[in-house]
């Protein structure tokens, strides 16, 4: 199967740019779902995999193209895996990254166990009825700090401490982060899949 175009189920231009550069050598053009006026779809899944499949299927159905979608979030051991699939709206609907950080730190309190990990699931669907979507998933281990540090990144990056580098994710450059992060690892798996097709 030759793939020349895929739709990315996001309106985030940064993600489109990142994937475009990675798939350039495979001669695959990455288009944002906004080009096809794909509306947001309700993420009703209880796992990252379910939500990524919902988004990919929705984008493939409306665009008529193969689709890639991702779902990612933070899992904190002391909170039984929360915030998980609710990472982006942990403090409630229409809240900011700072609101979510404050809420998470309040939930953890003085808990000594601060172990956590980011998860990223990337799904590729050849068409909306694809019975065997390609699923790439990766995690990034760390700990939740007690205070924020760093200006880079987004989401929970200022409180996600990367032990082997001795700093938070928000203190890493974009290049450093992409080389080791959950998303970077999942993207490498997807890239290997596409390279195997050519």
N, C-alpha and C. Protein backbone atom coordinates (compact mmCIF):
# COMPACT_ATOMS: atom_id res chain seq x y z
N UNK A 1 0.85 -1.20 0.00
CA UNK A 1 0.00 0.00 0.00
C UNK A 1 0.88 1.25 0.00
N UNK A 2 0.68 2.11 -0.98
CA UNK A 2 1.45 3.35 -1.06
C UNK A 2 0.64 4.48 -0.44
N UNK A 3 1.27 5.19 0.48
CA UNK A 3 0.60 6.30 1.15
C UNK A 3 1.33 7.58 0.80
N UNK A 4 0.61 8.54 0.23
CA UNK A 4 1.25 9.81 -0.14
C UNK A 4 0.77 10.97 0.73
N UNK A 5 -0.43 10.81 1.31
CA UNK A 5 -0.99 11.86 2.16
C UNK A 5 -1.66 11.25 3.38
N UNK A 6 -1.51 11.91 4.51
CA UNK A 6 -2.24 11.52 5.72
C UNK A 6 -2.80 12.77 6.37
N UNK A 7 -3.91 12.62 7.06
CA UNK A 7 -4.46 13.73 7.82
C UNK A 7 -4.11 13.50 9.29
N UNK A 8 -3.67 14.56 9.95
CA UNK A 8 -3.33 14.48 11.36
C UNK A 8 -4.48 15.05 12.17
N UNK A 9 -5.02 14.23 13.05
CA UNK A 9 -6.21 14.61 13.82
C UNK A 9 -5.86 15.58 14.94
N UNK A 10 -5.45 16.78 14.53
CA UNK A 10 -5.16 17.85 15.48
C UNK A 10 -5.27 19.18 14.75
N UNK A 11 -5.46 20.24 15.51
CA UNK A 11 -5.42 21.58 14.94
C UNK A 11 -4.13 22.28 15.35
N UNK A 12 -3.28 21.54 16.08
CA UNK A 12 -2.01 22.08 16.59
C UNK A 12 -0.96 22.10 15.47
N UNK A 13 -0.62 23.30 15.00
CA UNK A 13 0.33 23.42 13.89
C UNK A 13 1.72 22.91 14.26
N UNK A 14 2.07 23.00 15.54
CA UNK A 14 3.36 22.50 16.00
C UNK A 14 3.49 21.00 15.77
N UNK A 15 2.41 20.26 16.08
CA UNK A 15 2.40 18.81 15.89
C UNK A 15 2.45 18.47 14.40
N UNK A 16 1.74 19.26 13.58
CA UNK A 16 1.74 19.02 12.13
C UNK A 16 3.15 19.19 11.57
N UNK A 17 3.81 20.27 12.00
CA UNK A 17 5.17 20.57 11.54
C UNK A 17 6.14 19.46 11.93
N UNK A 18 6.03 19.02 13.19
CA UNK A 18 6.91 17.99 13.73
C UNK A 18 6.77 16.68 12.94
N UNK A 19 5.53 16.26 12.70
CA UNK A 19 5.30 15.01 11.98
C UNK A 19 5.69 15.15 10.51
N UNK A 20 5.43 16.31 9.92
CA UNK A 20 5.80 16.55 8.52
C UNK A 20 7.29 16.37 8.30
N UNK A 21 8.09 16.93 9.21
CA UNK A 21 9.54 16.83 9.04
C UNK A 21 10.01 15.38 9.21
N UNK A 22 9.36 14.64 10.12
CA UNK A 22 9.77 13.25 10.34
C UNK A 22 9.40 12.34 9.17
N UNK A 23 8.27 12.63 8.52
CA UNK A 23 7.80 11.76 7.43
C UNK A 23 8.25 12.24 6.04
N UNK A 24 9.00 13.34 6.00
CA UNK A 24 9.44 13.90 4.71
C UNK A 24 10.23 12.89 3.89
N UNK A 25 11.12 12.13 4.55
CA UNK A 25 11.95 11.15 3.84
C UNK A 25 11.11 10.00 3.28
N UNK A 26 9.92 9.80 3.85
CA UNK A 26 9.03 8.74 3.34
C UNK A 26 8.12 9.28 2.23
N UNK A 27 8.30 10.56 1.89
CA UNK A 27 7.50 11.23 0.85
C UNK A 27 6.00 11.17 1.17
N UNK A 28 5.70 11.45 2.45
CA UNK A 28 4.30 11.48 2.89
C UNK A 28 3.97 12.91 3.32
N UNK A 29 2.93 13.46 2.73
CA UNK A 29 2.49 14.80 3.08
C UNK A 29 1.52 14.72 4.25
N UNK A 30 1.77 15.55 5.28
CA UNK A 30 0.91 15.56 6.46
C UNK A 30 0.03 16.80 6.42
N UNK A 31 -1.28 16.60 6.48
CA UNK A 31 -2.23 17.70 6.43
C UNK A 31 -3.01 17.80 7.74
N UNK A 32 -3.23 19.02 8.24
CA UNK A 32 -4.01 19.16 9.47
C UNK A 32 -5.49 18.91 9.19
N UNK A 33 -6.20 18.42 10.19
CA UNK A 33 -7.63 18.12 9.98
C UNK A 33 -8.44 19.38 9.69
N UNK A 34 -7.90 20.55 10.06
CA UNK A 34 -8.63 21.80 9.80
C UNK A 34 -8.80 22.05 8.30
N UNK A 35 -7.91 21.50 7.47
CA UNK A 35 -8.04 21.66 6.02
C UNK A 35 -9.31 20.99 5.48
N UNK A 36 -9.83 20.05 6.25
CA UNK A 36 -11.03 19.31 5.83
C UNK A 36 -12.23 19.68 6.69
N UNK A 37 -12.05 20.74 7.50
CA UNK A 37 -13.10 21.20 8.41
C UNK A 37 -13.62 20.08 9.30
N UNK A 38 -12.68 19.28 9.79
CA UNK A 38 -13.03 18.19 10.72
C UNK A 38 -13.31 18.80 12.09
N UNK A 39 -14.52 18.66 12.61
CA UNK A 39 -14.80 19.23 13.94
C UNK A 39 -14.17 18.36 15.04
N UNK A 40 -14.02 18.95 16.21
CA UNK A 40 -13.53 18.19 17.36
C UNK A 40 -14.52 17.05 17.64
N UNK A 41 -13.99 15.92 18.10
CA UNK A 41 -14.86 14.79 18.43
C UNK A 41 -14.75 14.53 19.93
N UNK A 42 -15.84 14.10 20.54
CA UNK A 42 -15.84 13.82 21.98
C UNK A 42 -14.92 12.64 22.28
N UNK A 43 -14.00 12.85 23.21
CA UNK A 43 -13.06 11.78 23.61
C UNK A 43 -13.71 10.99 24.74
N UNK A 44 -14.49 10.00 24.35
CA UNK A 44 -15.30 9.26 25.33
C UNK A 44 -14.62 7.98 25.82
N UNK A 45 -13.41 7.71 25.34
CA UNK A 45 -12.70 6.50 25.75
C UNK A 45 -12.19 6.60 27.18
N UNK A 46 -11.91 5.46 27.78
CA UNK A 46 -11.36 5.43 29.14
C UNK A 46 -9.86 5.16 29.12
N UNK A 47 -9.29 4.97 27.91
CA UNK A 47 -7.84 4.75 27.78
C UNK A 47 -7.30 5.65 26.67
N UNK A 48 -5.99 5.86 26.68
CA UNK A 48 -5.35 6.66 25.63
C UNK A 48 -5.56 6.01 24.26
N UNK A 49 -5.50 4.68 24.22
CA UNK A 49 -5.67 3.95 22.94
C UNK A 49 -7.06 4.20 22.37
N UNK A 50 -8.08 4.08 23.22
CA UNK A 50 -9.46 4.28 22.75
C UNK A 50 -9.65 5.69 22.21
N UNK A 51 -9.15 6.68 22.93
CA UNK A 51 -9.33 8.06 22.49
C UNK A 51 -8.59 8.35 21.19
N UNK A 52 -7.39 7.81 21.03
CA UNK A 52 -6.63 8.02 19.80
C UNK A 52 -7.35 7.39 18.61
N UNK A 53 -7.92 6.20 18.82
CA UNK A 53 -8.67 5.52 17.74
C UNK A 53 -9.92 6.32 17.37
N UNK A 54 -10.63 6.84 18.39
CA UNK A 54 -11.82 7.67 18.12
C UNK A 54 -11.45 8.86 17.24
N UNK A 55 -10.35 9.54 17.58
CA UNK A 55 -9.94 10.73 16.83
C UNK A 55 -9.48 10.38 15.42
N UNK A 56 -8.71 9.29 15.28
CA UNK A 56 -8.21 8.89 13.96
C UNK A 56 -9.36 8.47 13.06
N UNK A 57 -10.29 7.67 13.58
CA UNK A 57 -11.44 7.21 12.78
C UNK A 57 -12.29 8.39 12.31
N UNK A 58 -12.51 9.33 13.19
CA UNK A 58 -13.31 10.52 12.88
C UNK A 58 -12.65 11.33 11.75
N UNK A 59 -11.33 11.55 11.86
CA UNK A 59 -10.61 12.33 10.84
C UNK A 59 -10.57 11.59 9.51
N UNK A 60 -10.42 10.27 9.54
CA UNK A 60 -10.39 9.47 8.30
C UNK A 60 -11.75 9.49 7.61
N UNK A 61 -12.79 9.41 8.41
CA UNK A 61 -14.16 9.39 7.86
C UNK A 61 -14.47 10.69 7.12
N UNK A 62 -14.14 11.82 7.73
CA UNK A 62 -14.50 13.11 7.14
C UNK A 62 -13.56 13.52 6.00
N UNK A 63 -12.27 13.21 6.14
CA UNK A 63 -11.30 13.62 5.12
C UNK A 63 -11.20 12.65 3.95
N UNK A 64 -11.54 11.38 4.21
CA UNK A 64 -11.37 10.36 3.17
C UNK A 64 -9.93 9.92 3.00
N UNK A 65 -9.05 10.36 3.91
CA UNK A 65 -7.63 10.02 3.85
C UNK A 65 -7.23 9.12 5.03
N UNK A 66 -6.09 8.42 4.92
CA UNK A 66 -5.56 7.74 6.10
C UNK A 66 -5.32 8.79 7.19
N UNK A 67 -5.44 8.40 8.44
CA UNK A 67 -5.33 9.38 9.52
C UNK A 67 -4.41 8.92 10.64
N UNK A 68 -3.77 9.90 11.25
CA UNK A 68 -2.93 9.68 12.43
C UNK A 68 -3.52 10.52 13.56
N UNK A 69 -3.64 9.93 14.74
CA UNK A 69 -4.09 10.68 15.92
C UNK A 69 -3.25 10.27 17.12
N UNK A 70 -3.14 11.18 18.07
CA UNK A 70 -2.43 10.80 19.29
C UNK A 70 -3.28 11.17 20.50
N UNK A 71 -3.03 10.45 21.57
CA UNK A 71 -3.61 10.82 22.85
C UNK A 71 -2.51 10.61 23.87
N UNK A 72 -2.37 11.55 24.75
CA UNK A 72 -1.28 11.44 25.71
C UNK A 72 -1.69 12.07 27.03
N UNK A 73 -0.93 11.77 28.05
CA UNK A 73 -1.24 12.33 29.36
C UNK A 73 -0.28 11.83 30.42
N UNK A 74 -0.55 12.23 31.63
CA UNK A 74 0.31 11.96 32.77
C UNK A 74 -0.35 10.95 33.70
N UNK A 75 0.47 10.01 34.19
CA UNK A 75 0.00 8.98 35.13
C UNK A 75 0.83 9.09 36.40
N UNK A 76 0.19 9.32 37.53
CA UNK A 76 0.89 9.49 38.81
C UNK A 76 0.57 8.30 39.72
N UNK A 77 1.61 7.59 40.15
CA UNK A 77 1.41 6.37 40.94
C UNK A 77 0.59 6.58 42.21
N UNK A 78 0.93 7.63 42.97
CA UNK A 78 0.26 7.87 44.25
C UNK A 78 -1.21 8.26 44.09
N UNK A 79 -1.60 8.63 42.86
CA UNK A 79 -2.99 9.02 42.59
C UNK A 79 -3.71 7.94 41.77
N UNK A 80 -3.21 6.69 41.88
CA UNK A 80 -3.81 5.56 41.16
C UNK A 80 -3.94 5.79 39.66
N UNK A 81 -2.91 6.43 39.10
CA UNK A 81 -2.89 6.64 37.64
C UNK A 81 -3.52 7.93 37.17
N UNK A 82 -4.11 8.70 38.09
CA UNK A 82 -4.64 10.01 37.68
C UNK A 82 -3.47 10.94 37.36
N UNK A 83 -3.68 11.98 36.52
CA UNK A 83 -4.93 12.34 35.86
C UNK A 83 -5.25 11.51 34.61
N UNK A 84 -4.30 10.75 34.07
CA UNK A 84 -4.58 9.83 32.97
C UNK A 84 -5.22 10.51 31.77
N UNK A 85 -6.31 9.92 31.26
CA UNK A 85 -6.97 10.46 30.06
C UNK A 85 -7.59 11.84 30.31
N UNK A 86 -7.67 12.23 31.58
CA UNK A 86 -8.24 13.54 31.92
C UNK A 86 -7.16 14.60 32.15
N UNK A 87 -5.93 14.31 31.73
CA UNK A 87 -4.80 15.21 32.00
C UNK A 87 -5.06 16.65 31.57
N UNK A 88 -5.65 16.84 30.38
CA UNK A 88 -5.86 18.19 29.85
C UNK A 88 -6.99 18.93 30.57
N UNK A 89 -7.84 18.19 31.26
CA UNK A 89 -8.98 18.83 31.94
C UNK A 89 -9.08 18.35 33.39
N UNK A 90 -7.93 18.12 34.02
CA UNK A 90 -7.90 17.57 35.38
C UNK A 90 -8.56 18.51 36.39
N UNK A 91 -8.39 19.81 36.20
CA UNK A 91 -8.98 20.79 37.13
C UNK A 91 -10.39 21.21 36.71
N UNK A 92 -10.89 20.57 35.63
CA UNK A 92 -12.22 20.90 35.14
C UNK A 92 -12.18 21.36 33.70
N UNK A 93 -13.36 21.55 33.12
CA UNK A 93 -13.45 21.97 31.72
C UNK A 93 -12.96 23.41 31.57
N UNK A 94 -12.34 23.71 30.43
CA UNK A 94 -11.88 25.07 30.10
C UNK A 94 -10.94 25.65 31.15
N UNK A 95 -10.06 24.81 31.69
CA UNK A 95 -9.07 25.29 32.66
C UNK A 95 -7.71 25.39 31.98
N UNK A 96 -6.81 26.12 32.60
CA UNK A 96 -5.48 26.35 32.03
C UNK A 96 -4.48 25.28 32.49
N UNK A 97 -3.32 25.26 31.84
CA UNK A 97 -2.23 24.37 32.27
C UNK A 97 -1.90 24.64 33.73
N UNK A 98 -1.86 25.92 34.12
CA UNK A 98 -1.53 26.28 35.50
C UNK A 98 -2.58 25.75 36.48
N UNK A 99 -3.84 25.82 36.10
CA UNK A 99 -4.92 25.28 36.95
C UNK A 99 -4.71 23.78 37.18
N UNK A 100 -4.35 23.07 36.10
CA UNK A 100 -4.13 21.62 36.20
C UNK A 100 -2.93 21.30 37.08
N UNK A 101 -1.86 22.08 36.94
CA UNK A 101 -0.66 21.89 37.77
C UNK A 101 -1.01 22.11 39.24
N UNK A 102 -1.69 23.22 39.52
CA UNK A 102 -2.06 23.54 40.91
C UNK A 102 -2.93 22.43 41.51
N UNK A 103 -3.87 21.94 40.73
CA UNK A 103 -4.77 20.88 41.20
C UNK A 103 -3.99 19.59 41.50
N UNK A 104 -3.07 19.24 40.60
CA UNK A 104 -2.27 18.03 40.79
C UNK A 104 -1.40 18.13 42.04
N UNK A 105 -0.74 19.26 42.21
CA UNK A 105 0.12 19.44 43.39
C UNK A 105 -0.70 19.41 44.67
N UNK A 106 -1.91 19.95 44.62
CA UNK A 106 -2.80 19.92 45.80
C UNK A 106 -3.23 18.50 46.11
N UNK A 107 -3.53 17.71 45.06
CA UNK A 107 -3.93 16.31 45.26
C UNK A 107 -2.79 15.49 45.87
N UNK A 108 -1.57 15.77 45.45
CA UNK A 108 -0.42 15.02 45.95
C UNK A 108 -0.03 15.43 47.36
N UNK A 109 -0.17 16.73 47.67
CA UNK A 109 0.20 17.23 48.99
C UNK A 109 1.65 16.89 49.30
N UNK A 110 1.88 16.33 50.49
CA UNK A 110 3.24 15.98 50.92
C UNK A 110 3.57 14.51 50.67
N UNK A 111 2.80 13.85 49.83
CA UNK A 111 3.04 12.44 49.53
C UNK A 111 4.50 12.22 49.14
N UNK A 112 5.21 11.31 49.81
CA UNK A 112 6.62 11.09 49.46
C UNK A 112 6.81 10.40 48.11
N UNK A 113 5.88 9.51 47.75
CA UNK A 113 5.98 8.81 46.46
C UNK A 113 5.53 9.76 45.35
N UNK A 114 6.48 10.26 44.56
CA UNK A 114 6.17 11.24 43.51
C UNK A 114 6.36 10.64 42.11
N UNK A 115 6.51 9.30 42.04
CA UNK A 115 6.77 8.66 40.73
C UNK A 115 5.63 8.90 39.76
N UNK A 116 6.01 9.18 38.51
CA UNK A 116 5.01 9.46 37.48
C UNK A 116 5.59 9.16 36.11
N UNK A 117 4.72 9.10 35.13
CA UNK A 117 5.21 8.93 33.75
C UNK A 117 4.22 9.56 32.79
N UNK A 118 4.78 10.08 31.70
CA UNK A 118 3.96 10.54 30.60
C UNK A 118 3.76 9.36 29.66
N UNK A 119 2.56 9.25 29.09
CA UNK A 119 2.27 8.25 28.07
C UNK A 119 1.87 8.95 26.77
N UNK A 120 2.26 8.38 25.65
CA UNK A 120 1.78 8.85 24.36
C UNK A 120 1.37 7.64 23.54
N UNK A 121 0.17 7.69 22.99
CA UNK A 121 -0.30 6.65 22.07
C UNK A 121 -0.56 7.32 20.71
N UNK A 122 0.08 6.80 19.68
CA UNK A 122 -0.14 7.27 18.30
C UNK A 122 -0.84 6.16 17.55
N UNK A 123 -1.90 6.51 16.84
CA UNK A 123 -2.66 5.53 16.06
C UNK A 123 -2.68 5.94 14.60
N UNK A 124 -2.44 4.97 13.72
CA UNK A 124 -2.55 5.20 12.27
C UNK A 124 -3.64 4.29 11.73
N UNK A 125 -4.63 4.91 11.06
CA UNK A 125 -5.72 4.15 10.45
C UNK A 125 -5.71 4.39 8.94
N UNK A 126 -5.70 3.31 8.18
CA UNK A 126 -5.66 3.42 6.71
C UNK A 126 -6.97 4.00 6.15
N UNK A 127 -8.08 3.75 6.85
CA UNK A 127 -9.40 4.28 6.47
C UNK A 127 -10.29 4.15 7.69
N UNK A 128 -11.49 4.71 7.63
CA UNK A 128 -12.33 4.76 8.84
C UNK A 128 -12.76 3.39 9.36
N UNK A 129 -12.78 2.38 8.47
CA UNK A 129 -13.20 1.04 8.90
C UNK A 129 -12.02 0.10 9.13
N UNK A 130 -10.81 0.66 9.22
CA UNK A 130 -9.59 -0.14 9.40
C UNK A 130 -9.74 -1.05 10.64
N UNK A 131 -9.74 -2.40 10.44
CA UNK A 131 -9.91 -3.30 11.58
C UNK A 131 -8.61 -3.52 12.38
N UNK A 132 -7.48 -3.13 11.77
CA UNK A 132 -6.19 -3.34 12.45
C UNK A 132 -5.36 -2.06 12.43
N UNK A 133 -5.78 -1.05 13.20
CA UNK A 133 -4.99 0.19 13.23
C UNK A 133 -3.60 -0.07 13.79
N UNK A 134 -2.63 0.70 13.31
CA UNK A 134 -1.26 0.61 13.84
C UNK A 134 -1.23 1.43 15.13
N UNK A 135 -0.80 0.81 16.21
CA UNK A 135 -0.77 1.48 17.51
C UNK A 135 0.67 1.54 18.02
N UNK A 136 1.16 2.75 18.23
CA UNK A 136 2.51 2.96 18.78
C UNK A 136 2.35 3.63 20.14
N UNK A 137 3.00 3.08 21.15
CA UNK A 137 2.88 3.72 22.46
C UNK A 137 4.21 3.70 23.19
N UNK A 138 4.43 4.76 23.96
CA UNK A 138 5.70 4.87 24.69
C UNK A 138 5.46 5.69 25.96
N UNK A 139 6.32 5.46 26.95
CA UNK A 139 6.21 6.20 28.21
C UNK A 139 7.54 6.87 28.53
N UNK A 140 7.47 7.84 29.43
CA UNK A 140 8.65 8.60 29.86
C UNK A 140 8.58 8.74 31.36
N UNK A 141 9.51 8.08 32.05
CA UNK A 141 9.49 8.02 33.52
C UNK A 141 10.06 9.29 34.15
N UNK A 142 9.47 9.67 35.28
CA UNK A 142 9.97 10.83 36.02
C UNK A 142 9.33 10.92 37.39
N UNK A 143 9.41 12.09 37.98
CA UNK A 143 8.80 12.34 39.28
C UNK A 143 8.15 13.71 39.27
N UNK A 144 7.15 13.88 40.13
CA UNK A 144 6.48 15.18 40.24
C UNK A 144 7.21 16.00 41.31
N UNK A 145 7.64 17.19 40.93
CA UNK A 145 8.35 18.08 41.85
C UNK A 145 7.34 18.75 42.79
N UNK A 146 7.87 19.44 43.78
CA UNK A 146 6.99 20.17 44.71
C UNK A 146 6.81 21.62 44.27
N UNK A 147 7.68 22.08 43.37
CA UNK A 147 7.54 23.45 42.84
C UNK A 147 7.92 23.45 41.36
N UNK A 148 7.53 24.47 40.64
CA UNK A 148 7.73 24.54 39.20
C UNK A 148 9.11 25.07 38.82
N UNK A 149 9.60 24.61 37.66
CA UNK A 149 10.88 25.12 37.15
C UNK A 149 10.89 24.98 35.63
N UNK A 150 11.39 26.03 34.96
CA UNK A 150 11.52 25.97 33.50
C UNK A 150 10.41 26.69 32.76
N UNK A 151 10.74 27.15 31.55
CA UNK A 151 9.80 27.94 30.74
C UNK A 151 9.40 27.24 29.44
N UNK A 152 10.07 26.13 29.11
CA UNK A 152 9.79 25.46 27.84
C UNK A 152 8.59 24.52 27.98
N UNK A 153 8.14 24.00 26.83
CA UNK A 153 7.11 22.98 26.84
C UNK A 153 5.73 23.52 27.22
N UNK A 154 4.89 22.61 27.70
CA UNK A 154 3.51 22.97 28.04
C UNK A 154 2.97 21.92 29.01
N UNK A 155 1.72 22.09 29.41
CA UNK A 155 1.10 21.10 30.29
C UNK A 155 1.84 20.97 31.61
N UNK A 156 2.15 19.74 31.97
CA UNK A 156 2.77 19.45 33.26
C UNK A 156 4.30 19.51 33.23
N UNK A 157 4.88 19.94 32.12
CA UNK A 157 6.35 19.95 31.98
C UNK A 157 7.08 20.64 33.13
N UNK A 158 6.58 21.77 33.68
CA UNK A 158 7.33 22.45 34.75
C UNK A 158 7.42 21.66 36.06
N UNK A 159 6.59 20.62 36.23
CA UNK A 159 6.66 19.84 37.48
C UNK A 159 7.05 18.38 37.22
N UNK A 160 7.45 18.06 35.97
CA UNK A 160 7.85 16.69 35.64
C UNK A 160 9.37 16.62 35.64
N UNK A 161 9.93 16.00 36.69
CA UNK A 161 11.38 15.95 36.88
C UNK A 161 11.96 14.71 36.20
N UNK A 162 12.95 14.95 35.34
CA UNK A 162 13.60 13.88 34.59
C UNK A 162 14.90 13.52 35.34
N UNK A 163 14.88 12.39 36.05
CA UNK A 163 15.98 12.03 36.93
C UNK A 163 17.34 11.97 36.24
N UNK A 164 17.38 11.32 35.05
CA UNK A 164 18.69 11.12 34.42
C UNK A 164 19.31 12.43 33.92
N UNK A 165 18.50 13.46 33.77
CA UNK A 165 19.02 14.76 33.32
C UNK A 165 19.08 15.79 34.44
N UNK A 166 18.47 15.48 35.57
CA UNK A 166 18.54 16.37 36.72
C UNK A 166 17.82 17.70 36.54
N UNK A 167 16.72 17.68 35.80
CA UNK A 167 15.95 18.91 35.59
C UNK A 167 14.52 18.55 35.21
N UNK A 168 13.65 19.56 35.13
CA UNK A 168 12.28 19.29 34.70
C UNK A 168 12.23 19.27 33.18
N UNK A 169 11.15 18.73 32.66
CA UNK A 169 10.92 18.69 31.22
C UNK A 169 10.88 20.11 30.64
N UNK A 170 10.40 21.07 31.44
CA UNK A 170 10.29 22.46 30.98
C UNK A 170 11.64 23.17 30.93
N UNK A 171 12.69 22.51 31.44
CA UNK A 171 14.05 23.08 31.37
C UNK A 171 14.85 22.50 30.20
N UNK A 172 14.22 21.63 29.42
CA UNK A 172 14.89 21.03 28.26
C UNK A 172 14.56 21.83 27.00
N UNK A 173 15.50 21.83 26.05
CA UNK A 173 15.20 22.44 24.76
C UNK A 173 14.24 21.52 24.02
N UNK A 174 13.58 22.05 23.00
CA UNK A 174 12.64 21.24 22.22
C UNK A 174 13.35 20.02 21.63
N UNK A 175 14.58 20.21 21.15
CA UNK A 175 15.35 19.11 20.55
C UNK A 175 15.67 18.04 21.59
N UNK A 176 16.10 18.47 22.78
CA UNK A 176 16.40 17.50 23.85
C UNK A 176 15.15 16.70 24.22
N UNK A 177 14.04 17.42 24.37
CA UNK A 177 12.80 16.77 24.77
C UNK A 177 12.33 15.77 23.72
N UNK A 178 12.35 16.17 22.44
CA UNK A 178 11.87 15.28 21.36
C UNK A 178 12.70 14.01 21.25
N UNK A 179 13.98 14.09 21.65
CA UNK A 179 14.86 12.93 21.53
C UNK A 179 14.52 11.84 22.54
N UNK A 180 13.95 12.22 23.69
CA UNK A 180 13.75 11.22 24.75
C UNK A 180 12.32 11.11 25.25
N UNK A 181 11.44 12.03 24.86
CA UNK A 181 10.09 12.06 25.43
C UNK A 181 9.23 10.90 24.95
N UNK A 182 8.09 10.75 25.62
CA UNK A 182 7.09 9.74 25.25
C UNK A 182 6.64 9.94 23.81
N UNK A 183 6.39 11.20 23.41
CA UNK A 183 5.95 11.46 22.04
C UNK A 183 7.07 11.17 21.04
N UNK A 184 8.29 11.58 21.39
CA UNK A 184 9.43 11.33 20.51
C UNK A 184 9.62 9.83 20.25
N UNK A 185 9.49 9.03 21.31
CA UNK A 185 9.66 7.57 21.17
C UNK A 185 8.54 6.96 20.33
N UNK A 186 7.29 7.40 20.56
CA UNK A 186 6.16 6.86 19.79
C UNK A 186 6.29 7.26 18.32
N UNK A 187 6.74 8.48 18.06
CA UNK A 187 6.94 8.93 16.68
C UNK A 187 8.00 8.10 15.97
N UNK A 188 9.04 7.72 16.69
CA UNK A 188 10.09 6.87 16.08
C UNK A 188 9.52 5.51 15.68
N UNK A 189 8.63 4.98 16.50
CA UNK A 189 7.98 3.69 16.16
C UNK A 189 7.13 3.84 14.90
N UNK A 190 6.39 4.95 14.82
CA UNK A 190 5.54 5.19 13.64
C UNK A 190 6.39 5.41 12.40
N UNK A 191 7.49 6.13 12.56
CA UNK A 191 8.40 6.36 11.43
C UNK A 191 8.96 5.05 10.91
N UNK A 192 9.33 4.15 11.83
CA UNK A 192 9.85 2.83 11.43
C UNK A 192 8.80 2.05 10.64
N UNK A 193 7.54 2.19 11.03
CA UNK A 193 6.45 1.52 10.32
C UNK A 193 6.36 2.04 8.88
N UNK A 194 6.37 3.36 8.73
CA UNK A 194 6.25 3.94 7.39
C UNK A 194 7.47 3.63 6.53
N UNK A 195 8.65 3.60 7.15
CA UNK A 195 9.87 3.26 6.40
C UNK A 195 9.79 1.82 5.89
N UNK A 196 9.12 0.97 6.65
CA UNK A 196 8.97 -0.42 6.24
C UNK A 196 8.03 -0.59 5.06
N UNK A 197 7.18 0.41 4.82
CA UNK A 197 6.25 0.35 3.70
C UNK A 197 6.92 0.70 2.38
N UNK A 198 7.96 1.57 2.46
CA UNK A 198 8.55 2.07 1.21
C UNK A 198 9.61 1.13 0.66
